[in-house]
């Protein structure tokens, strides 16, 4: 099948299948999978024009609701965290879109940028696994053990699977939300962090995401878990929600630039058909990934992600020099 906007020839079954595999894995870590889908489009499908970035955003828009639905249904959404992430990433995505079109039009330079982003993310995950805060690791481990023990007790008592996969008390409860600090409770534990810190991080992540074609959850999620010490069970939903809303904005920004002097003469507008096919696979994958998260250890999720990310990041950087 030929996609005229992107110029890609591919079997229509391949995009949704690849997206399903990627998103099933990454949604467990609170990430949509767009950051791994982009390398597939660039290296396998040879889709290297600026419009590949907004096409990646379309994948997010279609794919994320599946996983997001489960997080909302199971009340694992830290809404104050979500809104601050969205407020910071929106202006960043706009600026990032402009930089992608104006300064990173050349595929060689764009690949180096991709490699640097992936390398950073991979190193960050490895750091979490080897030299993270002892206190945070112990807290996370204790929470996970408490979680699994409670689930096992309920299963044994009912002699069947829990309908939602979660005990009723394992929900996020907002305690305070101000311009200075956000505080919420999850399963008897209280977590607090600076609102300004999250906003500034989201602004930077939005800039990077606007260039790359991701909503930013892939970068924000590891930061919230490793630096702020928030449990991945509560961060995943907020990261996916932020990615979903900022992806919508990203598509709008790129479409806008396609009709301006900045995008004039360049292939800037997204390929809706190709993006939708990726999104269908991602929709099913994020739903399955969000469901499977409750049965996977955080360390297992991080190890798999780190290996994939480091491999891709190094590959793109090395390609620039050889």
C-alpha atoms as a PDB file:
ATOM      1  CA  UNK A   1       0.000   0.000   0.000  1.00  0.00           C
ATOM      2  CA  UNK A   2       1.268   3.479  -0.899  1.00  0.00           C
ATOM      3  CA  UNK A   3       0.854   6.498   1.391  1.00  0.00           C
ATOM      4  CA  UNK A   4       1.209   9.615  -0.822  1.00  0.00           C
ATOM      5  CA  UNK A   5       1.785  12.146   1.952  1.00  0.00           C
ATOM      6  CA  UNK A   6       4.786  10.342   3.430  1.00  0.00           C
ATOM      7  CA  UNK A   7       5.814   8.502   0.271  1.00  0.00           C
ATOM      8  CA  UNK A   8       5.913   5.203   2.182  1.00  0.00           C
ATOM      9  CA  UNK A   9       5.209   1.784   0.646  1.00  0.00           C
ATOM     10  CA  UNK A  10       4.248  -0.803   3.285  1.00  0.00           C
ATOM     11  CA  UNK A  11       1.807  -3.641   3.935  1.00  0.00           C
ATOM     12  CA  UNK A  12      -1.114  -2.019   5.847  1.00  0.00           C
ATOM     13  CA  UNK A  13      -0.928  -4.762   8.497  1.00  0.00           C
ATOM     14  CA  UNK A  14       2.666  -3.940   9.457  1.00  0.00           C
ATOM     15  CA  UNK A  15       2.136  -0.484  11.077  1.00  0.00           C
ATOM     16  CA  UNK A  16      -0.568  -1.599  13.561  1.00  0.00           C
ATOM     17  CA  UNK A  17       1.331  -4.796  14.407  1.00  0.00           C
ATOM     18  CA  UNK A  18       4.578  -2.951  15.143  1.00  0.00           C
ATOM     19  CA  UNK A  19       2.715  -0.304  17.137  1.00  0.00           C
ATOM     20  CA  UNK A  20       0.935  -2.959  19.197  1.00  0.00           C
ATOM     21  CA  UNK A  21       4.185  -4.688  20.161  1.00  0.00           C
ATOM     22  CA  UNK A  22       5.930  -1.426  21.081  1.00  0.00           C
ATOM     23  CA  UNK A  23       3.049   0.116  23.018  1.00  0.00           C
ATOM     24  CA  UNK A  24       2.301  -3.075  24.963  1.00  0.00           C
ATOM     25  CA  UNK A  25       5.786  -2.839  26.434  1.00  0.00           C
ATOM     26  CA  UNK A  26       6.123   0.895  26.918  1.00  0.00           C
ATOM     27  CA  UNK A  27       2.644   1.618  28.347  1.00  0.00           C
ATOM     28  CA  UNK A  28       3.623  -0.436  31.396  1.00  0.00           C
ATOM     29  CA  UNK A  29       6.151   2.289  32.175  1.00  0.00           C
ATOM     30  CA  UNK A  30       3.692   5.123  31.526  1.00  0.00           C
ATOM     31  CA  UNK A  31       4.973   5.835  28.016  1.00  0.00           C
ATOM     32  CA  UNK A  32       2.972   5.735  24.790  1.00  0.00           C
ATOM     33  CA  UNK A  33       5.769   4.196  22.696  1.00  0.00           C
ATOM     34  CA  UNK A  34       6.020   7.019  20.155  1.00  0.00           C
ATOM     35  CA  UNK A  35       9.722   7.513  20.938  1.00  0.00           C
ATOM     36  CA  UNK A  36      10.423   3.935  19.726  1.00  0.00           C
ATOM     37  CA  UNK A  37       7.954   4.109  16.850  1.00  0.00           C
ATOM     38  CA  UNK A  38       9.755   7.077  15.293  1.00  0.00           C
ATOM     39  CA  UNK A  39      13.012   5.116  14.753  1.00  0.00           C
ATOM     40  CA  UNK A  40      10.972   2.422  12.990  1.00  0.00           C
ATOM     41  CA  UNK A  41       9.496   4.998  10.613  1.00  0.00           C
ATOM     42  CA  UNK A  42      12.825   6.684   9.970  1.00  0.00           C
ATOM     43  CA  UNK A  43      15.051   3.608   9.601  1.00  0.00           C
ATOM     44  CA  UNK A  44      12.686   0.901   8.326  1.00  0.00           C
ATOM     45  CA  UNK A  45      10.091   2.871   6.354  1.00  0.00           C
ATOM     46  CA  UNK A  46      12.607   5.576   5.300  1.00  0.00           C
ATOM     47  CA  UNK A  47      10.186   8.294   6.330  1.00  0.00           C
ATOM     48  CA  UNK A  48      12.572  11.174   7.149  1.00  0.00           C
ATOM     49  CA  UNK A  49      10.784  14.403   6.201  1.00  0.00           C
ATOM     50  CA  UNK A  50       9.621  16.807   8.962  1.00  0.00           C
ATOM     51  CA  UNK A  51       6.065  15.465   8.640  1.00  0.00           C
ATOM     52  CA  UNK A  52       7.160  12.248  10.377  1.00  0.00           C
ATOM     53  CA  UNK A  53       7.086  14.135  13.680  1.00  0.00           C
ATOM     54  CA  UNK A  54       3.393  15.159  13.563  1.00  0.00           C
ATOM     55  CA  UNK A  55       2.543  11.699  12.175  1.00  0.00           C
ATOM     56  CA  UNK A  56       4.022  10.327  15.378  1.00  0.00           C
ATOM     57  CA  UNK A  57       1.731  12.671  17.311  1.00  0.00           C
ATOM     58  CA  UNK A  58      -1.282  11.164  15.508  1.00  0.00           C
ATOM     59  CA  UNK A  59      -0.213   7.763  16.779  1.00  0.00           C
ATOM     60  CA  UNK A  60      -0.334   9.150  20.318  1.00  0.00           C
ATOM     61  CA  UNK A  61      -3.788  10.651  19.823  1.00  0.00           C
ATOM     62  CA  UNK A  62      -5.279   7.367  18.630  1.00  0.00           C
ATOM     63  CA  UNK A  63      -3.255   4.992  20.819  1.00  0.00           C
ATOM     64  CA  UNK A  64      -3.264   6.575  24.260  1.00  0.00           C
ATOM     65  CA  UNK A  65      -7.005   6.533  25.170  1.00  0.00           C
ATOM     66  CA  UNK A  66      -6.907   2.752  25.674  1.00  0.00           C
ATOM     67  CA  UNK A  67      -4.331   2.860  28.447  1.00  0.00           C
ATOM     68  CA  UNK A  68      -5.618   6.166  29.802  1.00  0.00           C
ATOM     69  CA  UNK A  69      -9.076   4.688  30.252  1.00  0.00           C
ATOM     70  CA  UNK A  70      -7.740   1.975  32.547  1.00  0.00           C
ATOM     71  CA  UNK A  71      -5.798   4.446  34.698  1.00  0.00           C
ATOM     72  CA  UNK A  72      -8.858   6.694  35.079  1.00  0.00           C
ATOM     73  CA  UNK A  73     -11.155   3.748  35.751  1.00  0.00           C
ATOM     74  CA  UNK A  74      -8.822   2.418  38.459  1.00  0.00           C
ATOM     75  CA  UNK A  75      -8.420   5.937  39.958  1.00  0.00           C
ATOM     76  CA  UNK A  76      -4.649   6.003  39.510  1.00  0.00           C
ATOM     77  CA  UNK A  77      -4.643   9.487  37.978  1.00  0.00           C
ATOM     78  CA  UNK A  78      -2.671  12.206  39.765  1.00  0.00           C
ATOM     79  CA  UNK A  79      -4.643  15.038  38.144  1.00  0.00           C
ATOM     80  CA  UNK A  80      -2.696  18.029  39.556  1.00  0.00           C
ATOM     81  CA  UNK A  81       0.513  16.501  38.171  1.00  0.00           C
ATOM     82  CA  UNK A  82      -1.208  16.005  34.819  1.00  0.00           C
ATOM     83  CA  UNK A  83      -2.373  19.624  34.477  1.00  0.00           C
ATOM     84  CA  UNK A  84       1.032  21.082  35.359  1.00  0.00           C
ATOM     85  CA  UNK A  85       2.690  18.808  32.792  1.00  0.00           C
ATOM     86  CA  UNK A  86       0.234  19.958  30.128  1.00  0.00           C
ATOM     87  CA  UNK A  87       0.656  23.661  30.999  1.00  0.00           C
ATOM     88  CA  UNK A  88       4.429  23.409  30.654  1.00  0.00           C
ATOM     89  CA  UNK A  89       4.666  21.275  27.531  1.00  0.00           C
ATOM     90  CA  UNK A  90       2.239  23.234  25.312  1.00  0.00           C
ATOM     91  CA  UNK A  91       4.500  26.273  24.696  1.00  0.00           C
ATOM     92  CA  UNK A  92       7.506  23.964  24.442  1.00  0.00           C
ATOM     93  CA  UNK A  93       5.861  21.860  21.721  1.00  0.00           C
ATOM     94  CA  UNK A  94       5.116  24.979  19.663  1.00  0.00           C
ATOM     95  CA  UNK A  95       8.750  26.128  19.765  1.00  0.00           C
ATOM     96  CA  UNK A  96      10.020  22.599  19.141  1.00  0.00           C
ATOM     97  CA  UNK A  97       7.858  22.248  16.029  1.00  0.00           C
ATOM     98  CA  UNK A  98       9.351  25.431  14.609  1.00  0.00           C
ATOM     99  CA  UNK A  99      12.928  24.299  15.318  1.00  0.00           C
ATOM    100  CA  UNK A 100      12.303  20.902  13.685  1.00  0.00           C
ATOM    101  CA  UNK A 101      11.091  22.503  10.450  1.00  0.00           C
ATOM    102  CA  UNK A 102      13.571  25.363  10.320  1.00  0.00           C
ATOM    103  CA  UNK A 103      16.823  23.917  11.696  1.00  0.00           C
ATOM    104  CA  UNK A 104      16.549  20.101  11.627  1.00  0.00           C
ATOM    105  CA  UNK A 105      15.133  19.525   8.158  1.00  0.00           C
ATOM    106  CA  UNK A 106      18.216  17.485   7.116  1.00  0.00           C
ATOM    107  CA  UNK A 107      17.628  13.795   8.076  1.00  0.00           C
ATOM    108  CA  UNK A 108      21.271  13.354   9.150  1.00  0.00           C
ATOM    109  CA  UNK A 109      21.066  16.045  11.799  1.00  0.00           C
ATOM    110  CA  UNK A 110      17.615  14.934  12.880  1.00  0.00           C
ATOM    111  CA  UNK A 111      18.908  11.388  13.425  1.00  0.00           C
ATOM    112  CA  UNK A 112      21.701  12.716  15.634  1.00  0.00           C
ATOM    113  CA  UNK A 113      19.117  14.605  17.669  1.00  0.00           C
ATOM    114  CA  UNK A 114      17.064  11.416  17.965  1.00  0.00           C
ATOM    115  CA  UNK A 115      20.159   9.527  19.082  1.00  0.00           C
ATOM    116  CA  UNK A 116      21.005  12.073  21.772  1.00  0.00           C
ATOM    117  CA  UNK A 117      17.465  12.031  23.174  1.00  0.00           C
ATOM    118  CA  UNK A 118      17.363   8.229  23.233  1.00  0.00           C
ATOM    119  CA  UNK A 119      20.850   7.994  24.738  1.00  0.00           C
ATOM    120  CA  UNK A 120      19.898  10.360  27.549  1.00  0.00           C
ATOM    121  CA  UNK A 121      16.767   8.382  28.294  1.00  0.00           C
ATOM    122  CA  UNK A 122      18.673   5.100  28.276  1.00  0.00           C
ATOM    123  CA  UNK A 123      21.421   6.365  30.582  1.00  0.00           C
ATOM    124  CA  UNK A 124      18.796   7.759  32.924  1.00  0.00           C
ATOM    125  CA  UNK A 125      17.105   4.385  33.208  1.00  0.00           C
ATOM    126  CA  UNK A 126      20.434   2.604  33.785  1.00  0.00           C
ATOM    127  CA  UNK A 127      21.254   5.113  36.534  1.00  0.00           C
ATOM    128  CA  UNK A 128      17.963   4.345  38.216  1.00  0.00           C
ATOM    129  CA  UNK A 129      18.797   0.648  38.188  1.00  0.00           C
ATOM    130  CA  UNK A 130      22.338   0.980  39.541  1.00  0.00           C
ATOM    131  CA  UNK A 131      22.820   4.146  41.560  1.00  0.00           C
ATOM    132  CA  UNK A 132      19.405   5.506  42.464  1.00  0.00           C
ATOM    133  CA  UNK A 133      18.501   6.840  45.876  1.00  0.00           C
ATOM    134  CA  UNK A 134      18.552   4.031  48.422  1.00  0.00           C
ATOM    135  CA  UNK A 135      15.648   5.558  50.292  1.00  0.00           C
ATOM    136  CA  UNK A 136      13.547   5.859  47.134  1.00  0.00           C
ATOM    137  CA  UNK A 137      14.348   2.301  46.104  1.00  0.00           C
ATOM    138  CA  UNK A 138      13.365   0.965  49.507  1.00  0.00           C
ATOM    139  CA  UNK A 139      10.139   2.979  49.468  1.00  0.00           C
ATOM    140  CA  UNK A 140       9.256   1.780  45.975  1.00  0.00           C
ATOM    141  CA  UNK A 141      10.083  -1.824  46.865  1.00  0.00           C
ATOM    142  CA  UNK A 142       7.988  -1.669  50.031  1.00  0.00           C
ATOM    143  CA  UNK A 143       5.042  -0.239  48.097  1.00  0.00           C
ATOM    144  CA  UNK A 144       5.308  -2.926  45.421  1.00  0.00           C
ATOM    145  CA  UNK A 145       5.496  -5.708  48.015  1.00  0.00           C
ATOM    146  CA  UNK A 146       2.490  -4.250  49.828  1.00  0.00           C
ATOM    147  CA  UNK A 147       0.642  -4.049  46.542  1.00  0.00           C
ATOM    148  CA  UNK A 148       1.346  -7.652  45.533  1.00  0.00           C
ATOM    149  CA  UNK A 149       0.597  -9.014  48.996  1.00  0.00           C
ATOM    150  CA  UNK A 150      -2.783  -7.290  49.121  1.00  0.00           C
ATOM    151  CA  UNK A 151      -3.718  -8.481  45.630  1.00  0.00           C
ATOM    152  CA  UNK A 152      -2.737 -12.057  46.565  1.00  0.00           C
ATOM    153  CA  UNK A 153      -4.865 -11.890  49.720  1.00  0.00           C
ATOM    154  CA  UNK A 154      -7.911 -10.684  47.828  1.00  0.00           C
ATOM    155  CA  UNK A 155      -7.478 -13.312  45.141  1.00  0.00           C
ATOM    156  CA  UNK A 156      -7.164 -16.056  47.740  1.00  0.00           C
ATOM    157  CA  UNK A 157     -10.224 -14.812  49.594  1.00  0.00           C
ATOM    158  CA  UNK A 158     -12.376 -14.708  46.474  1.00  0.00           C
ATOM    159  CA  UNK A 159     -10.647 -17.627  44.724  1.00  0.00           C
ATOM    160  CA  UNK A 160     -10.779 -15.667  41.475  1.00  0.00           C
ATOM    161  CA  UNK A 161      -9.166 -12.762  39.647  1.00  0.00           C
ATOM    162  CA  UNK A 162      -9.931  -9.277  40.894  1.00  0.00           C
ATOM    163  CA  UNK A 163     -12.140  -7.532  38.352  1.00  0.00           C
ATOM    164  CA  UNK A 164     -10.075  -4.366  38.055  1.00  0.00           C
ATOM    165  CA  UNK A 165      -6.816  -5.983  39.148  1.00  0.00           C
ATOM    166  CA  UNK A 166      -6.464  -3.532  42.037  1.00  0.00           C
ATOM    167  CA  UNK A 167      -7.579  -3.383  45.672  1.00  0.00           C
ATOM    168  CA  UNK A 168     -10.229  -0.706  46.257  1.00  0.00           C
ATOM    169  CA  UNK A 169      -7.905   1.309  48.531  1.00  0.00           C
ATOM    170  CA  UNK A 170      -5.119   1.608  45.930  1.00  0.00           C
ATOM    171  CA  UNK A 171      -6.240   4.970  44.496  1.00  0.00           C
ATOM    172  CA  UNK A 172      -4.678   8.436  44.183  1.00  0.00           C
ATOM    173  CA  UNK A 173      -6.122  11.103  46.496  1.00  0.00           C
ATOM    174  CA  UNK A 174      -5.118  14.761  46.067  1.00  0.00           C
ATOM    175  CA  UNK A 175      -4.282  16.414  49.393  1.00  0.00           C
ATOM    176  CA  UNK A 176      -3.138  19.865  48.219  1.00  0.00           C
ATOM    177  CA  UNK A 177      -2.517  21.669  44.927  1.00  0.00           C
ATOM    178  CA  UNK A 178      -0.950  25.151  44.741  1.00  0.00           C
ATOM    179  CA  UNK A 179       1.563  27.117  42.666  1.00  0.00           C
ATOM    180  CA  UNK A 180       4.252  26.080  45.123  1.00  0.00           C
ATOM    181  CA  UNK A 181       3.566  22.433  45.869  1.00  0.00           C
ATOM    182  CA  UNK A 182       1.534  19.395  44.914  1.00  0.00           C
ATOM    183  CA  UNK A 183       0.766  16.704  47.456  1.00  0.00           C
ATOM    184  CA  UNK A 184      -1.189  13.473  47.063  1.00  0.00           C
ATOM    185  CA  UNK A 185      -1.703  10.188  48.838  1.00  0.00           C
ATOM    186  CA  UNK A 186      -1.479   6.695  47.396  1.00  0.00           C
ATOM    187  CA  UNK A 187      -2.173   3.626  49.479  1.00  0.00           C
ATOM    188  CA  UNK A 188      -1.363   5.239  52.827  1.00  0.00           C
ATOM    189  CA  UNK A 189       1.811   6.965  51.586  1.00  0.00           C
ATOM    190  CA  UNK A 190       2.027  10.744  51.007  1.00  0.00           C
ATOM    191  CA  UNK A 191       4.084  12.198  48.149  1.00  0.00           C
ATOM    192  CA  UNK A 192       4.862  15.900  47.623  1.00  0.00           C
ATOM    193  CA  UNK A 193       6.931  17.867  45.099  1.00  0.00           C
ATOM    194  CA  UNK A 194       7.459  21.383  43.739  1.00  0.00           C
ATOM    195  CA  UNK A 195       4.941  22.615  41.162  1.00  0.00           C
ATOM    196  CA  UNK A 196       7.535  24.956  39.632  1.00  0.00           C
ATOM    197  CA  UNK A 197      10.021  22.116  39.191  1.00  0.00           C
ATOM    198  CA  UNK A 198       7.494  20.054  37.239  1.00  0.00           C
ATOM    199  CA  UNK A 199       6.459  23.060  35.129  1.00  0.00           C
ATOM    200  CA  UNK A 200      10.046  23.918  34.103  1.00  0.00           C
ATOM    201  CA  UNK A 201      10.775  20.268  33.342  1.00  0.00           C
ATOM    202  CA  UNK A 202       7.602  20.038  31.249  1.00  0.00           C
ATOM    203  CA  UNK A 203       8.592  23.174  29.302  1.00  0.00           C
ATOM    204  CA  UNK A 204      11.971  21.660  28.376  1.00  0.00           C
ATOM    205  CA  UNK A 205      10.406  18.299  27.605  1.00  0.00           C
ATOM    206  CA  UNK A 206       7.794  19.995  25.424  1.00  0.00           C
ATOM    207  CA  UNK A 207      10.570  21.607  23.376  1.00  0.00           C
ATOM    208  CA  UNK A 208      12.288  18.255  22.869  1.00  0.00           C
ATOM    209  CA  UNK A 209       8.981  16.506  22.202  1.00  0.00           C
ATOM    210  CA  UNK A 210       7.935  19.074  19.612  1.00  0.00           C
ATOM    211  CA  UNK A 211      11.094  18.365  17.620  1.00  0.00           C
ATOM    212  CA  UNK A 212      11.046  14.599  18.060  1.00  0.00           C
ATOM    213  CA  UNK A 213       7.315  14.000  17.750  1.00  0.00           C
ATOM    214  CA  UNK A 214       6.502  12.734  21.237  1.00  0.00           C
ATOM    215  CA  UNK A 215       4.300  14.173  23.951  1.00  0.00           C
ATOM    216  CA  UNK A 216       7.073  13.971  26.561  1.00  0.00           C
ATOM    217  CA  UNK A 217       5.884  11.154  28.798  1.00  0.00           C
ATOM    218  CA  UNK A 218       8.964   9.108  27.909  1.00  0.00           C
ATOM    219  CA  UNK A 219      11.163  11.748  29.556  1.00  0.00           C
ATOM    220  CA  UNK A 220       8.920  13.024  32.340  1.00  0.00           C
ATOM    221  CA  UNK A 221       7.938   9.598  33.658  1.00  0.00           C
ATOM    222  CA  UNK A 222      11.524   8.446  34.530  1.00  0.00           C
ATOM    223  CA  UNK A 223      12.259  11.853  36.115  1.00  0.00           C
ATOM    224  CA  UNK A 224       9.201  11.696  38.358  1.00  0.00           C
ATOM    225  CA  UNK A 225      10.031   8.164  39.456  1.00  0.00           C
ATOM    226  CA  UNK A 226      13.800   8.493  39.994  1.00  0.00           C
ATOM    227  CA  UNK A 227      14.238  12.133  41.097  1.00  0.00           C
ATOM    228  CA  UNK A 228      10.949  12.917  42.827  1.00  0.00           C
ATOM    229  CA  UNK A 229      10.501   9.394  44.182  1.00  0.00           C
ATOM    230  CA  UNK A 230       6.910   9.017  42.976  1.00  0.00           C
ATOM    231  CA  UNK A 231       5.552   5.481  42.480  1.00  0.00           C
ATOM    232  CA  UNK A 232       5.292   4.426  38.848  1.00  0.00           C
ATOM    233  CA  UNK A 233       1.735   3.231  39.553  1.00  0.00           C
ATOM    234  CA  UNK A 234       0.663   6.881  39.939  1.00  0.00           C
ATOM    235  CA  UNK A 235       2.997   8.562  37.425  1.00  0.00           C
ATOM    236  CA  UNK A 236       2.058   6.399  34.433  1.00  0.00           C
ATOM    237  CA  UNK A 237      -1.472   7.769  34.068  1.00  0.00           C
ATOM    238  CA  UNK A 238      -0.418  11.417  34.410  1.00  0.00           C
ATOM    239  CA  UNK A 239       2.383  10.957  31.874  1.00  0.00           C
ATOM    240  CA  UNK A 240       0.028   9.351  29.341  1.00  0.00           C
ATOM    241  CA  UNK A 241      -2.633  12.044  29.827  1.00  0.00           C
ATOM    242  CA  UNK A 242      -0.061  14.807  29.365  1.00  0.00           C
ATOM    243  CA  UNK A 243       1.291  13.119  26.253  1.00  0.00           C
ATOM    244  CA  UNK A 244      -2.204  12.763  24.805  1.00  0.00           C
ATOM    245  CA  UNK A 245      -3.172  16.431  25.198  1.00  0.00           C
ATOM    246  CA  UNK A 246       0.162  17.834  24.029  1.00  0.00           C
ATOM    247  CA  UNK A 247       0.140  15.511  20.991  1.00  0.00           C
ATOM    248  CA  UNK A 248      -3.133  17.079  19.891  1.00  0.00           C
ATOM    249  CA  UNK A 249      -1.475  20.479  20.182  1.00  0.00           C
ATOM    250  CA  UNK A 250       1.575  19.218  18.261  1.00  0.00           C
ATOM    251  CA  UNK A 251      -0.522  18.132  15.274  1.00  0.00           C
ATOM    252  CA  UNK A 252      -2.267  21.511  15.278  1.00  0.00           C
ATOM    253  CA  UNK A 253       1.058  23.391  15.377  1.00  0.00           C
ATOM    254  CA  UNK A 254       2.621  21.409  12.504  1.00  0.00           C
ATOM    255  CA  UNK A 255      -0.536  21.770  10.417  1.00  0.00           C
ATOM    256  CA  UNK A 256      -0.442  25.502  11.072  1.00  0.00           C
ATOM    257  CA  UNK A 257       3.216  25.740  10.020  1.00  0.00           C
ATOM    258  CA  UNK A 258       2.398  23.896   6.774  1.00  0.00           C
ATOM    259  CA  UNK A 259       0.447  26.977   5.666  1.00  0.00           C
ATOM    260  CA  UNK A 260       3.103  29.515   6.666  1.00  0.00           C
ATOM    261  CA  UNK A 261       6.424  30.655   5.227  1.00  0.00           C
ATOM    262  CA  UNK A 262       8.236  28.492   7.781  1.00  0.00           C
ATOM    263  CA  UNK A 263       6.842  25.286   6.290  1.00  0.00           C
ATOM    264  CA  UNK A 264       6.467  26.509   2.736  1.00  0.00           C
ATOM    265  CA  UNK A 265       7.912  24.100   0.180  1.00  0.00           C
ATOM    266  CA  UNK A 266       8.555  21.405   2.803  1.00  0.00           C
ATOM    267  CA  UNK A 267       6.679  18.226   3.643  1.00  0.00           C
ATOM    268  CA  UNK A 268       5.369  19.337   7.024  1.00  0.00           C
ATOM    269  CA  UNK A 269       1.735  18.223   7.273  1.00  0.00           C
ATOM    270  CA  UNK A 270       1.160  14.850   9.002  1.00  0.00           C
ATOM    271  CA  UNK A 271       0.280  11.644   7.162  1.00  0.00           C
ATOM    272  CA  UNK A 272      -3.112  10.982   8.743  1.00  0.00           C
ATOM    273  CA  UNK A 273      -3.645   7.572   7.144  1.00  0.00           C
ATOM    274  CA  UNK A 274      -0.295   6.138   8.230  1.00  0.00           C
ATOM    275  CA  UNK A 275      -0.550   7.724  11.664  1.00  0.00           C
ATOM    276  CA  UNK A 276      -4.033   6.256  12.147  1.00  0.00           C
ATOM    277  CA  UNK A 277      -2.807   2.736  11.300  1.00  0.00           C
ATOM    278  CA  UNK A 278      -0.035   3.029  13.863  1.00  0.00           C
ATOM    279  CA  UNK A 279      -2.566   4.427  16.294  1.00  0.00           C
ATOM    280  CA  UNK A 280      -4.963   1.481  15.978  1.00  0.00           C
ATOM    281  CA  UNK A 281      -2.216  -0.941  17.000  1.00  0.00           C
ATOM    282  CA  UNK A 282      -1.105   1.407  19.732  1.00  0.00           C
ATOM    283  CA  UNK A 283      -4.649   1.757  21.067  1.00  0.00           C
ATOM    284  CA  UNK A 284      -4.846  -1.972  21.731  1.00  0.00           C
ATOM    285  CA  UNK A 285      -1.260  -2.098  22.936  1.00  0.00           C
ATOM    286  CA  UNK A 286      -1.524   0.687  25.507  1.00  0.00           C
ATOM    287  CA  UNK A 287      -4.677  -0.881  26.922  1.00  0.00           C
ATOM    288  CA  UNK A 288      -2.932  -4.241  27.318  1.00  0.00           C
ATOM    289  CA  UNK A 289       0.213  -2.584  28.672  1.00  0.00           C
ATOM    290  CA  UNK A 290      -1.665  -0.577  31.284  1.00  0.00           C
ATOM    291  CA  UNK A 291      -3.447  -3.745  32.413  1.00  0.00           C
ATOM    292  CA  UNK A 292      -0.205  -5.780  32.517  1.00  0.00           C
ATOM    293  CA  UNK A 293       1.636  -3.121  34.554  1.00  0.00           C
ATOM    294  CA  UNK A 294       0.070  -4.388  37.765  1.00  0.00           C
ATOM    295  CA  UNK A 295       1.652  -7.805  37.245  1.00  0.00           C
ATOM    296  CA  UNK A 296       5.167  -6.722  36.225  1.00  0.00           C
ATOM    297  CA  UNK A 297       8.008  -5.623  38.480  1.00  0.00           C
ATOM    298  CA  UNK A 298       9.282  -2.078  37.923  1.00  0.00           C
ATOM    299  CA  UNK A 299      12.847  -3.354  37.522  1.00  0.00           C
ATOM    300  CA  UNK A 300      11.879  -5.702  34.702  1.00  0.00           C
ATOM    301  CA  UNK A 301      10.103  -2.899  32.848  1.00  0.00           C
ATOM    302  CA  UNK A 302      13.089  -0.557  33.223  1.00  0.00           C
ATOM    303  CA  UNK A 303      15.698  -3.120  32.126  1.00  0.00           C
ATOM    304  CA  UNK A 304      13.834  -3.917  28.904  1.00  0.00           C
ATOM    305  CA  UNK A 305      13.312  -0.226  28.157  1.00  0.00           C
ATOM    306  CA  UNK A 306      16.956   0.670  28.878  1.00  0.00           C
ATOM    307  CA  UNK A 307      18.354  -1.986  26.534  1.00  0.00           C
ATOM    308  CA  UNK A 308      16.110  -0.930  23.642  1.00  0.00           C
ATOM    309  CA  UNK A 309      16.694   2.783  24.106  1.00  0.00           C
ATOM    310  CA  UNK A 310      20.496   2.592  24.443  1.00  0.00           C
ATOM    311  CA  UNK A 311      20.809   0.374  21.378  1.00  0.00           C
ATOM    312  CA  UNK A 312      18.805   2.757  19.192  1.00  0.00           C
ATOM    313  CA  UNK A 313      20.441   5.899  20.565  1.00  0.00           C
ATOM    314  CA  UNK A 314      23.995   4.687  19.952  1.00  0.00           C
ATOM    315  CA  UNK A 315      23.070   3.453  16.498  1.00  0.00           C
ATOM    316  CA  UNK A 316      21.838   6.872  15.341  1.00  0.00           C
ATOM    317  CA  UNK A 317      24.811   8.742  16.756  1.00  0.00           C
ATOM    318  CA  UNK A 318      27.332   6.336  15.190  1.00  0.00           C
ATOM    319  CA  UNK A 319      25.569   6.563  11.807  1.00  0.00           C
ATOM    320  CA  UNK A 320      26.271  10.287  11.690  1.00  0.00           C
ATOM    321  CA  UNK A 321      30.032   9.727  11.686  1.00  0.00           C
ATOM    322  CA  UNK A 322      30.211   6.709   9.375  1.00  0.00           C
END
